Every structure is written in structure tokens, then in C-alpha cells.
């Protein structure tokens, strides 16, 4: 799979929820309305989890529907990214 955003033609709208903060982590839901070069206009949603240290994001993880990626790329998703150590 290519890099995220590689096939992006237009970004129409993005909405980010209020963050939920727990210690040095925070999370937020993100909704996007985007147009991809090969697939046209789609709505996408994901949840971001961020780890913060000294006021800077040091780790970030995104959870989203894998079928969305298959629709964009016409290929099976690479699940290796979800088993990072």
C-alpha cells in the first residue's frame, strides 16, 4: 500500500472531537470528507491515540476501518503495522 494521502485529490472537510485526556495520553475521533483520485469522494472516520512527553507527541496510533483501505487500494491491508513493538 502506498503512503496515506498519496492518492488524495481533495480534502473537503475535517472534524476533530474534543480530546479525552488520561495521564500522558489523549484520544480524539476524527471525521474526514475527502476525494481520492481513483475512488472518488468518501467519508472516513478514525480514532487517534497520542502519547505526550514534555509537551510533544512522541507516539501516535490510528484506528480505522480496514475495509476503507481495501476500497481505496483494491488490495488486502498490511496488518503488520498494527503489531508494532
Protein backbone atom coordinates (compact mmCIF):
# COMPACT_ATOMS: atom_id res chain seq x y z
CA UNK A 1 0.00 0.00 0.00
CA UNK A 2 1.15 3.50 -0.69
CA UNK A 3 1.61 6.22 1.86
CA UNK A 4 -1.53 7.69 3.36
CA UNK A 5 -2.58 10.72 1.34
CA UNK A 6 -0.73 9.65 -1.80
CA UNK A 7 -3.99 9.19 -3.74
CA UNK A 8 -5.70 12.18 -2.14
CA UNK A 9 -7.16 14.58 -4.68
CA UNK A 10 -9.14 16.92 -2.41
CA UNK A 11 -9.72 17.40 1.31
CA UNK A 12 -13.22 18.85 1.70
CA UNK A 13 -13.80 18.81 5.44
CA UNK A 14 -12.33 17.53 8.68
CA UNK A 15 -13.87 17.47 12.15
CA UNK A 16 -12.00 16.52 15.32
CA UNK A 17 -13.82 15.78 18.59
CA UNK A 18 -12.90 17.19 21.97
CA UNK A 19 -9.94 15.22 23.35
CA UNK A 20 -10.16 12.75 26.17
CA UNK A 21 -7.06 13.01 28.35
CA UNK A 22 -5.67 10.26 30.59
CA UNK A 23 -2.25 10.85 32.09
CA UNK A 24 0.24 11.29 29.26
CA UNK A 25 -2.19 10.01 26.61
CA UNK A 26 -5.09 11.62 24.79
CA UNK A 27 -7.53 10.44 22.16
CA UNK A 28 -9.92 12.07 19.70
CA UNK A 29 -12.31 10.95 16.96
CA UNK A 30 -11.64 12.40 13.51
CA UNK A 31 -14.09 12.54 10.60
CA UNK A 32 -12.98 13.39 7.06
CA UNK A 33 -14.72 14.12 3.78
CA UNK A 34 -12.14 13.50 1.04
CA UNK A 35 -11.86 12.74 -2.66
CA UNK A 36 -9.39 10.13 -3.86
CA UNK A 37 -8.01 10.10 -7.41
CA UNK A 38 -9.12 6.56 -8.19
CA UNK A 39 -12.15 6.09 -5.91
CA UNK A 40 -13.93 9.41 -5.82
CA UNK A 41 -15.43 11.13 -2.80
CA UNK A 42 -15.66 9.21 0.51
CA UNK A 43 -16.25 9.78 4.18
CA UNK A 44 -13.68 8.38 6.58
CA UNK A 45 -13.54 8.20 10.36
CA UNK A 46 -10.75 7.20 12.69
CA UNK A 47 -9.69 7.44 16.30
CA UNK A 48 -6.27 8.83 17.14
CA UNK A 49 -4.38 7.96 20.32
CA UNK A 50 -1.42 10.18 21.17
CA UNK A 51 1.31 9.80 23.78
CA UNK A 52 2.81 13.07 25.02
CA UNK A 53 6.11 13.74 26.79
CA UNK A 54 7.50 17.17 27.63
CA UNK A 55 4.66 18.81 25.67
CA UNK A 56 5.42 16.91 22.44
CA UNK A 57 3.71 13.96 20.77
CA UNK A 58 6.14 11.04 20.95
CA UNK A 59 3.86 8.24 19.69
CA UNK A 60 0.64 8.21 17.71
CA UNK A 61 -1.67 5.40 16.69
CA UNK A 62 -4.74 5.49 14.47
CA UNK A 63 -7.63 3.06 14.49
CA UNK A 64 -9.86 2.93 11.42
CA UNK A 65 -11.92 0.54 9.38
CA UNK A 66 -9.53 -1.62 7.35
CA UNK A 67 -12.20 -2.17 4.70
CA UNK A 68 -11.92 1.53 3.92
CA UNK A 69 -8.31 0.96 2.86
CA UNK A 70 -9.26 -2.01 0.73
CA UNK A 71 -11.83 0.16 -1.07
CA UNK A 72 -9.13 2.73 -1.81
CA UNK A 73 -6.28 0.40 -2.77
CA UNK A 74 -8.08 -2.69 -4.10
CA UNK A 75 -5.69 -4.86 -2.11
CA UNK A 76 -5.56 -6.63 1.23
CA UNK A 77 -4.40 -4.44 4.12
CA UNK A 78 -0.96 -4.85 5.68
CA UNK A 79 -1.75 -5.80 9.26
CA UNK A 80 1.92 -5.68 10.27
CA UNK A 81 1.53 -2.00 11.20
CA UNK A 82 -0.89 -3.00 13.95
CA UNK A 83 1.66 -5.23 15.67
CA UNK A 84 4.33 -2.60 16.27
CA UNK A 85 6.54 -3.09 19.28
